[in-house]
mmCIF file of all heavy atoms, coordinates in Angstrom:
data_MODEL
# 
_entry.id   MODEL 
# 
loop_
_atom_site.group_PDB 
_atom_site.id 
_atom_site.type_symbol 
_atom_site.label_atom_id 
_atom_site.label_alt_id 
_atom_site.label_comp_id 
_atom_site.label_asym_id 
_atom_site.label_entity_id 
_atom_site.label_seq_id 
_atom_site.pdbx_PDB_ins_code 
_atom_site.Cartn_x 
_atom_site.Cartn_y 
_atom_site.Cartn_z 
_atom_site.occupancy 
_atom_site.B_iso_or_equiv 
_atom_site.pdbx_formal_charge 
_atom_site.auth_seq_id 
_atom_site.auth_comp_id 
_atom_site.auth_asym_id 
_atom_site.auth_atom_id 
_atom_site.pdbx_PDB_model_num 
ATOM 1   N N   . SER A 1 1  ? 78.383 139.457 71.033 1.00 0.00 ? 1  SER A N   1 
ATOM 2   C CA  . SER A 1 1  ? 78.518 140.906 71.152 1.00 0.00 ? 1  SER A CA  1 
ATOM 3   C C   . SER A 1 1  ? 77.433 141.487 72.049 1.00 0.00 ? 1  SER A C   1 
ATOM 4   O O   . SER A 1 1  ? 76.240 141.405 71.718 1.00 0.00 ? 1  SER A O   1 
ATOM 5   C CB  . SER A 1 1  ? 78.428 141.562 69.770 1.00 0.00 ? 1  SER A CB  1 
ATOM 6   O OG  . SER A 1 1  ? 78.249 142.958 69.901 1.00 0.00 ? 1  SER A OG  1 
ATOM 7   N N   . PRO A 1 2  ? 77.796 142.109 73.174 1.00 0.00 ? 2  PRO A N   1 
ATOM 8   C CA  . PRO A 1 2  ? 76.774 142.747 74.014 1.00 0.00 ? 2  PRO A CA  1 
ATOM 9   C C   . PRO A 1 2  ? 75.995 143.826 73.256 1.00 0.00 ? 2  PRO A C   1 
ATOM 10  O O   . PRO A 1 2  ? 74.802 144.024 73.505 1.00 0.00 ? 2  PRO A O   1 
ATOM 11  C CB  . PRO A 1 2  ? 77.580 143.345 75.172 1.00 0.00 ? 2  PRO A CB  1 
ATOM 12  C CG  . PRO A 1 2  ? 78.845 142.552 75.214 1.00 0.00 ? 2  PRO A CG  1 
ATOM 13  C CD  . PRO A 1 2  ? 79.140 142.211 73.787 1.00 0.00 ? 2  PRO A CD  1 
ATOM 14  N N   . LEU A 1 3  ? 76.663 144.505 72.336 1.00 0.00 ? 3  LEU A N   1 
ATOM 15  C CA  . LEU A 1 3  ? 75.978 145.564 71.586 1.00 0.00 ? 3  LEU A CA  1 
ATOM 16  C C   . LEU A 1 3  ? 74.934 144.992 70.633 1.00 0.00 ? 3  LEU A C   1 
ATOM 17  O O   . LEU A 1 3  ? 73.835 145.541 70.508 1.00 0.00 ? 3  LEU A O   1 
ATOM 18  C CB  . LEU A 1 3  ? 76.999 146.405 70.822 1.00 0.00 ? 3  LEU A CB  1 
ATOM 19  C CG  . LEU A 1 3  ? 77.905 147.284 71.689 1.00 0.00 ? 3  LEU A CG  1 
ATOM 20  C CD1 . LEU A 1 3  ? 78.921 148.007 70.817 1.00 0.00 ? 3  LEU A CD1 1 
ATOM 21  C CD2 . LEU A 1 3  ? 77.083 148.286 72.499 1.00 0.00 ? 3  LEU A CD2 1 
ATOM 22  N N   . VAL A 1 4  ? 75.259 143.893 69.961 1.00 0.00 ? 4  VAL A N   1 
ATOM 23  C CA  . VAL A 1 4  ? 74.271 143.245 69.098 1.00 0.00 ? 4  VAL A CA  1 
ATOM 24  C C   . VAL A 1 4  ? 73.113 142.718 69.936 1.00 0.00 ? 4  VAL A C   1 
ATOM 25  O O   . VAL A 1 4  ? 71.936 142.918 69.608 1.00 0.00 ? 4  VAL A O   1 
ATOM 26  C CB  . VAL A 1 4  ? 74.917 142.101 68.291 1.00 0.00 ? 4  VAL A CB  1 
ATOM 27  C CG1 . VAL A 1 4  ? 73.845 141.308 67.530 1.00 0.00 ? 4  VAL A CG1 1 
ATOM 28  C CG2 . VAL A 1 4  ? 75.955 142.633 67.324 1.00 0.00 ? 4  VAL A CG2 1 
ATOM 29  N N   . LYS A 1 5  ? 73.439 142.062 71.035 1.00 0.00 ? 5  LYS A N   1 
ATOM 30  C CA  . LYS A 1 5  ? 72.413 141.423 71.859 1.00 0.00 ? 5  LYS A CA  1 
ATOM 31  C C   . LYS A 1 5  ? 71.490 142.442 72.536 1.00 0.00 ? 5  LYS A C   1 
ATOM 32  O O   . LYS A 1 5  ? 70.287 142.214 72.664 1.00 0.00 ? 5  LYS A O   1 
ATOM 33  C CB  . LYS A 1 5  ? 73.084 140.519 72.903 1.00 0.00 ? 5  LYS A CB  1 
ATOM 34  C CG  . LYS A 1 5  ? 73.750 139.303 72.279 1.00 0.00 ? 5  LYS A CG  1 
ATOM 35  C CD  . LYS A 1 5  ? 74.820 138.682 73.154 1.00 0.00 ? 5  LYS A CD  1 
ATOM 36  C CE  . LYS A 1 5  ? 74.246 137.951 74.330 1.00 0.00 ? 5  LYS A CE  1 
ATOM 37  N NZ  . LYS A 1 5  ? 73.601 136.691 73.940 1.00 0.00 ? 5  LYS A NZ  1 
ATOM 38  N N   . THR A 1 6  ? 72.037 143.581 72.961 1.00 0.00 ? 6  THR A N   1 
ATOM 39  C CA  . THR A 1 6  ? 71.177 144.599 73.568 1.00 0.00 ? 6  THR A CA  1 
ATOM 40  C C   . THR A 1 6  ? 70.327 145.299 72.515 1.00 0.00 ? 6  THR A C   1 
ATOM 41  O O   . THR A 1 6  ? 69.191 145.698 72.793 1.00 0.00 ? 6  THR A O   1 
ATOM 42  C CB  . THR A 1 6  ? 72.007 145.631 74.352 1.00 0.00 ? 6  THR A CB  1 
ATOM 43  O OG1 . THR A 1 6  ? 73.080 146.115 73.532 1.00 0.00 ? 6  THR A OG1 1 
ATOM 44  C CG2 . THR A 1 6  ? 72.582 145.017 75.622 1.00 0.00 ? 6  THR A CG2 1 
ATOM 45  N N   . ALA A 1 7  ? 70.852 145.449 71.305 1.00 0.00 ? 7  ALA A N   1 
ATOM 46  C CA  . ALA A 1 7  ? 70.050 146.024 70.225 1.00 0.00 ? 7  ALA A CA  1 
ATOM 47  C C   . ALA A 1 7  ? 68.842 145.142 69.935 1.00 0.00 ? 7  ALA A C   1 
ATOM 48  O O   . ALA A 1 7  ? 67.717 145.640 69.748 1.00 0.00 ? 7  ALA A O   1 
ATOM 49  C CB  . ALA A 1 7  ? 70.892 146.200 68.966 1.00 0.00 ? 7  ALA A CB  1 
ATOM 50  N N   . ILE A 1 8  ? 69.062 143.827 69.920 1.00 0.00 ? 8  ILE A N   1 
ATOM 51  C CA  . ILE A 1 8  ? 67.952 142.901 69.680 1.00 0.00 ? 8  ILE A CA  1 
ATOM 52  C C   . ILE A 1 8  ? 66.959 142.951 70.830 1.00 0.00 ? 8  ILE A C   1 
ATOM 53  O O   . ILE A 1 8  ? 65.741 142.916 70.622 1.00 0.00 ? 8  ILE A O   1 
ATOM 54  C CB  . ILE A 1 8  ? 68.495 141.483 69.454 1.00 0.00 ? 8  ILE A CB  1 
ATOM 55  C CG1 . ILE A 1 8  ? 69.259 141.439 68.124 1.00 0.00 ? 8  ILE A CG1 1 
ATOM 56  C CG2 . ILE A 1 8  ? 67.369 140.457 69.455 1.00 0.00 ? 8  ILE A CG2 1 
ATOM 57  C CD1 . ILE A 1 8  ? 69.996 140.145 67.865 1.00 0.00 ? 8  ILE A CD1 1 
ATOM 58  N N   . ALA A 1 9  ? 67.467 143.088 72.058 1.00 0.00 ? 9  ALA A N   1 
ATOM 59  C CA  . ALA A 1 9  ? 66.564 143.243 73.208 1.00 0.00 ? 9  ALA A CA  1 
ATOM 60  C C   . ALA A 1 9  ? 65.707 144.488 73.058 1.00 0.00 ? 9  ALA A C   1 
ATOM 61  O O   . ALA A 1 9  ? 64.525 144.507 73.450 1.00 0.00 ? 9  ALA A O   1 
ATOM 62  C CB  . ALA A 1 9  ? 67.372 143.309 74.504 1.00 0.00 ? 9  ALA A CB  1 
ATOM 63  N N   . GLY A 1 10 ? 66.287 145.531 72.479 1.00 0.00 ? 10 GLY A N   1 
ATOM 64  C CA  . GLY A 1 10 ? 65.549 146.774 72.253 1.00 0.00 ? 10 GLY A CA  1 
ATOM 65  C C   . GLY A 1 10 ? 64.771 146.784 70.955 1.00 0.00 ? 10 GLY A C   1 
ATOM 66  O O   . GLY A 1 10 ? 64.220 147.823 70.560 1.00 0.00 ? 10 GLY A O   1 
ATOM 67  N N   . GLU A 1 11 ? 64.735 145.620 70.271 1.00 0.00 ? 11 GLU A N   1 
ATOM 68  C CA  . GLU A 1 11 ? 63.988 145.444 69.015 1.00 0.00 ? 11 GLU A CA  1 
ATOM 69  C C   . GLU A 1 11 ? 64.452 146.418 67.939 1.00 0.00 ? 11 GLU A C   1 
ATOM 70  O O   . GLU A 1 11 ? 63.675 146.948 67.154 1.00 0.00 ? 11 GLU A O   1 
ATOM 71  C CB  . GLU A 1 11 ? 62.482 145.555 69.276 1.00 0.00 ? 11 GLU A CB  1 
ATOM 72  C CG  . GLU A 1 11 ? 62.000 144.513 70.263 1.00 0.00 ? 11 GLU A CG  1 
ATOM 73  C CD  . GLU A 1 11 ? 60.527 144.595 70.611 1.00 0.00 ? 11 GLU A CD  1 
ATOM 74  O OE1 . GLU A 1 11 ? 59.917 145.644 70.335 1.00 0.00 ? 11 GLU A OE1 1 
ATOM 75  O OE2 . GLU A 1 11 ? 59.990 143.604 71.143 1.00 0.00 ? 11 GLU A OE2 1 
ATOM 76  N N   . ASP A 1 12 ? 65.779 146.618 67.918 1.00 0.00 ? 12 ASP A N   1 
ATOM 77  C CA  . ASP A 1 12 ? 66.404 147.531 66.970 1.00 0.00 ? 12 ASP A CA  1 
ATOM 78  C C   . ASP A 1 12 ? 67.272 146.730 66.001 1.00 0.00 ? 12 ASP A C   1 
ATOM 79  O O   . ASP A 1 12 ? 68.229 146.077 66.408 1.00 0.00 ? 12 ASP A O   1 
ATOM 80  C CB  . ASP A 1 12 ? 67.272 148.545 67.740 1.00 0.00 ? 12 ASP A CB  1 
ATOM 81  C CG  . ASP A 1 12 ? 68.049 149.476 66.825 1.00 0.00 ? 12 ASP A CG  1 
ATOM 82  O OD1 . ASP A 1 12 ? 67.698 149.570 65.630 1.00 0.00 ? 12 ASP A OD1 1 
ATOM 83  O OD2 . ASP A 1 12 ? 69.006 150.112 67.312 1.00 0.00 ? 12 ASP A OD2 1 
ATOM 84  N N   . ALA A 1 13 ? 66.946 146.783 64.725 1.00 0.00 ? 13 ALA A N   1 
ATOM 85  C CA  . ALA A 1 13 ? 67.733 146.081 63.701 1.00 0.00 ? 13 ALA A CA  1 
ATOM 86  C C   . ALA A 1 13 ? 68.978 146.906 63.375 1.00 0.00 ? 13 ALA A C   1 
ATOM 87  O O   . ALA A 1 13 ? 69.133 147.441 62.276 1.00 0.00 ? 13 ALA A O   1 
ATOM 88  C CB  . ALA A 1 13 ? 66.882 145.863 62.461 1.00 0.00 ? 13 ALA A CB  1 
ATOM 89  N N   . ASN A 1 14 ? 69.875 146.974 64.322 1.00 0.00 ? 14 ASN A N   1 
ATOM 90  C CA  . ASN A 1 14 ? 71.042 147.846 64.207 1.00 0.00 ? 14 ASN A CA  1 
ATOM 91  C C   . ASN A 1 14 ? 72.161 147.103 63.476 1.00 0.00 ? 14 ASN A C   1 
ATOM 92  O O   . ASN A 1 14 ? 72.999 146.439 64.080 1.00 0.00 ? 14 ASN A O   1 
ATOM 93  C CB  . ASN A 1 14 ? 71.504 148.272 65.607 1.00 0.00 ? 14 ASN A CB  1 
ATOM 94  C CG  . ASN A 1 14 ? 72.524 149.384 65.575 1.00 0.00 ? 14 ASN A CG  1 
ATOM 95  O OD1 . ASN A 1 14 ? 73.335 149.462 64.663 1.00 0.00 ? 14 ASN A OD1 1 
ATOM 96  N ND2 . ASN A 1 14 ? 72.482 150.247 66.573 1.00 0.00 ? 14 ASN A ND2 1 
ATOM 97  N N   . TRP A 1 15 ? 72.171 147.221 62.142 1.00 0.00 ? 15 TRP A N   1 
ATOM 98  C CA  . TRP A 1 15 ? 73.152 146.490 61.357 1.00 0.00 ? 15 TRP A CA  1 
ATOM 99  C C   . TRP A 1 15 ? 74.576 147.005 61.570 1.00 0.00 ? 15 TRP A C   1 
ATOM 100 O O   . TRP A 1 15 ? 75.533 146.289 61.354 1.00 0.00 ? 15 TRP A O   1 
ATOM 101 C CB  . TRP A 1 15 ? 72.789 146.523 59.877 1.00 0.00 ? 15 TRP A CB  1 
ATOM 102 C CG  . TRP A 1 15 ? 72.802 147.904 59.258 1.00 0.00 ? 15 TRP A CG  1 
ATOM 103 C CD1 . TRP A 1 15 ? 73.875 148.567 58.756 1.00 0.00 ? 15 TRP A CD1 1 
ATOM 104 C CD2 . TRP A 1 15 ? 71.698 148.784 59.129 1.00 0.00 ? 15 TRP A CD2 1 
ATOM 105 N NE1 . TRP A 1 15 ? 73.504 149.806 58.304 1.00 0.00 ? 15 TRP A NE1 1 
ATOM 106 C CE2 . TRP A 1 15 ? 72.159 149.971 58.508 1.00 0.00 ? 15 TRP A CE2 1 
ATOM 107 C CE3 . TRP A 1 15 ? 70.342 148.707 59.454 1.00 0.00 ? 15 TRP A CE3 1 
ATOM 108 C CZ2 . TRP A 1 15 ? 71.349 151.059 58.223 1.00 0.00 ? 15 TRP A CZ2 1 
ATOM 109 C CZ3 . TRP A 1 15 ? 69.515 149.773 59.165 1.00 0.00 ? 15 TRP A CZ3 1 
ATOM 110 C CH2 . TRP A 1 15 ? 70.018 150.936 58.562 1.00 0.00 ? 15 TRP A CH2 1 
ATOM 111 N N   . GLY A 1 16 ? 74.700 148.232 62.031 1.00 0.00 ? 16 GLY A N   1 
ATOM 112 C CA  . GLY A 1 16 ? 76.027 148.770 62.311 1.00 0.00 ? 16 GLY A CA  1 
ATOM 113 C C   . GLY A 1 16 ? 76.744 147.959 63.365 1.00 0.00 ? 16 GLY A C   1 
ATOM 114 O O   . GLY A 1 16 ? 77.970 147.762 63.290 1.00 0.00 ? 16 GLY A O   1 
ATOM 115 N N   . ARG A 1 17 ? 76.015 147.473 64.351 1.00 0.00 ? 17 ARG A N   1 
ATOM 116 C CA  . ARG A 1 17 ? 76.620 146.642 65.391 1.00 0.00 ? 17 ARG A CA  1 
ATOM 117 C C   . ARG A 1 17 ? 77.020 145.272 64.846 1.00 0.00 ? 17 ARG A C   1 
ATOM 118 O O   . ARG A 1 17 ? 78.008 144.683 65.294 1.00 0.00 ? 17 ARG A O   1 
ATOM 119 C CB  . ARG A 1 17 ? 75.656 146.502 66.571 1.00 0.00 ? 17 ARG A CB  1 
ATOM 120 C CG  . ARG A 1 17 ? 75.424 147.836 67.280 1.00 0.00 ? 17 ARG A CG  1 
ATOM 121 C CD  . ARG A 1 17 ? 74.522 147.701 68.491 1.00 0.00 ? 17 ARG A CD  1 
ATOM 122 N NE  . ARG A 1 17 ? 74.402 148.987 69.183 1.00 0.00 ? 17 ARG A NE  1 
ATOM 123 C CZ  . ARG A 1 17 ? 73.709 149.173 70.296 1.00 0.00 ? 17 ARG A CZ  1 
ATOM 124 N NH1 . ARG A 1 17 ? 73.071 148.133 70.855 1.00 0.00 ? 17 ARG A NH1 1 
ATOM 125 N NH2 . ARG A 1 17 ? 73.646 150.351 70.871 1.00 0.00 ? 17 ARG A NH2 1 
ATOM 126 N N   . VAL A 1 18 ? 76.257 144.780 63.887 1.00 0.00 ? 18 VAL A N   1 
ATOM 127 C CA  . VAL A 1 18 ? 76.622 143.512 63.249 1.00 0.00 ? 18 VAL A CA  1 
ATOM 128 C C   . VAL A 1 18 ? 77.896 143.689 62.428 1.00 0.00 ? 18 VAL A C   1 
ATOM 129 O O   . VAL A 1 18 ? 78.800 142.849 62.470 1.00 0.00 ? 18 VAL A O   1 
ATOM 130 C CB  . VAL A 1 18 ? 75.466 143.001 62.367 1.00 0.00 ? 18 VAL A CB  1 
ATOM 131 C CG1 . VAL A 1 18 ? 75.871 141.710 61.659 1.00 0.00 ? 18 VAL A CG1 1 
ATOM 132 C CG2 . VAL A 1 18 ? 74.206 142.774 63.202 1.00 0.00 ? 18 VAL A CG2 1 
ATOM 133 N N   . VAL A 1 19 ? 77.978 144.795 61.697 1.00 0.00 ? 19 VAL A N   1 
ATOM 134 C CA  . VAL A 1 19 ? 79.200 145.094 60.931 1.00 0.00 ? 19 VAL A CA  1 
ATOM 135 C C   . VAL A 1 19 ? 80.407 145.140 61.866 1.00 0.00 ? 19 VAL A C   1 
ATOM 136 O O   . VAL A 1 19 ? 81.481 144.601 61.567 1.00 0.00 ? 19 VAL A O   1 
ATOM 137 C CB  . VAL A 1 19 ? 79.059 146.432 60.173 1.00 0.00 ? 19 VAL A CB  1 
ATOM 138 C CG1 . VAL A 1 19 ? 80.391 146.831 59.530 1.00 0.00 ? 19 VAL A CG1 1 
ATOM 139 C CG2 . VAL A 1 19 ? 77.966 146.336 59.122 1.00 0.00 ? 19 VAL A CG2 1 
ATOM 140 N N   . MET A 1 20 ? 80.237 145.790 63.014 1.00 0.00 ? 20 MET A N   1 
ATOM 141 C CA  . MET A 1 20 ? 81.306 145.862 64.010 1.00 0.00 ? 20 MET A CA  1 
ATOM 142 C C   . MET A 1 20 ? 81.749 144.463 64.429 1.00 0.00 ? 20 MET A C   1 
ATOM 143 O O   . MET A 1 20 ? 82.952 144.155 64.476 1.00 0.00 ? 20 MET A O   1 
ATOM 144 C CB  . MET A 1 20 ? 80.811 146.645 65.226 1.00 0.00 ? 20 MET A CB  1 
ATOM 145 C CG  . MET A 1 20 ? 81.756 146.668 66.415 1.00 0.00 ? 20 MET A CG  1 
ATOM 146 S SD  . MET A 1 20 ? 81.657 145.198 67.516 1.00 0.00 ? 20 MET A SD  1 
ATOM 147 C CE  . MET A 1 20 ? 79.946 145.276 68.054 1.00 0.00 ? 20 MET A CE  1 
ATOM 148 N N   . ALA A 1 21 ? 80.781 143.583 64.720 1.00 0.00 ? 21 ALA A N   1 
ATOM 149 C CA  . ALA A 1 21 ? 81.094 142.238 65.204 1.00 0.00 ? 21 ALA A CA  1 
ATOM 150 C C   . ALA A 1 21 ? 81.773 141.405 64.126 1.00 0.00 ? 21 ALA A C   1 
ATOM 151 O O   . ALA A 1 21 ? 82.664 140.595 64.417 1.00 0.00 ? 21 ALA A O   1 
ATOM 152 C CB  . ALA A 1 21 ? 79.824 141.552 65.695 1.00 0.00 ? 21 ALA A CB  1 
ATOM 153 N N   . VAL A 1 22 ? 81.369 141.588 62.875 1.00 0.00 ? 22 VAL A N   1 
ATOM 154 C CA  . VAL A 1 22 ? 82.028 140.891 61.766 1.00 0.00 ? 22 VAL A CA  1 
ATOM 155 C C   . VAL A 1 22 ? 83.473 141.371 61.649 1.00 0.00 ? 22 VAL A C   1 
ATOM 156 O O   . VAL A 1 22 ? 84.415 140.577 61.545 1.00 0.00 ? 22 VAL A O   1 
ATOM 157 C CB  . VAL A 1 22 ? 81.273 141.133 60.436 1.00 0.00 ? 22 VAL A CB  1 
ATOM 158 C CG1 . VAL A 1 22 ? 82.090 140.587 59.257 1.00 0.00 ? 22 VAL A CG1 1 
ATOM 159 C CG2 . VAL A 1 22 ? 79.892 140.497 60.478 1.00 0.00 ? 22 VAL A CG2 1 
ATOM 160 N N   . GLY A 1 23 ? 83.656 142.657 61.705 1.00 0.00 ? 23 GLY A N   1 
ATOM 161 C CA  . GLY A 1 23 ? 84.988 143.232 61.524 1.00 0.00 ? 23 GLY A CA  1 
ATOM 162 C C   . GLY A 1 23 ? 85.974 142.871 62.604 1.00 0.00 ? 23 GLY A C   1 
ATOM 163 O O   . GLY A 1 23 ? 87.178 142.734 62.342 1.00 0.00 ? 23 GLY A O   1 
ATOM 164 N N   . LYS A 1 24 ? 85.498 142.699 63.832 1.00 0.00 ? 24 LYS A N   1 
ATOM 165 C CA  . LYS A 1 24 ? 86.421 142.417 64.944 1.00 0.00 ? 24 LYS A CA  1 
ATOM 166 C C   . LYS A 1 24 ? 86.758 140.928 65.082 1.00 0.00 ? 24 LYS A C   1 
ATOM 167 O O   . LYS A 1 24 ? 87.609 140.562 65.893 1.00 0.00 ? 24 LYS A O   1 
ATOM 168 C CB  . LYS A 1 24 ? 85.829 142.916 66.266 1.00 0.00 ? 24 LYS A CB  1 
ATOM 169 C CG  . LYS A 1 24 ? 84.712 142.041 66.820 1.00 0.00 ? 24 LYS A CG  1 
ATOM 170 C CD  . LYS A 1 24 ? 84.349 142.425 68.245 1.00 0.00 ? 24 LYS A CD  1 
ATOM 171 C CE  . LYS A 1 24 ? 83.333 141.452 68.821 1.00 0.00 ? 24 LYS A CE  1 
ATOM 172 N NZ  . LYS A 1 24 ? 83.045 141.700 70.239 1.00 0.00 ? 24 LYS A NZ  1 
# 
């Protein structure tokens, strides 16, 4: 997921993006 990977690059524990990736 580009959104998960960019969040990690930005040092943001954005669990919403992980939920998105699980759901899709």
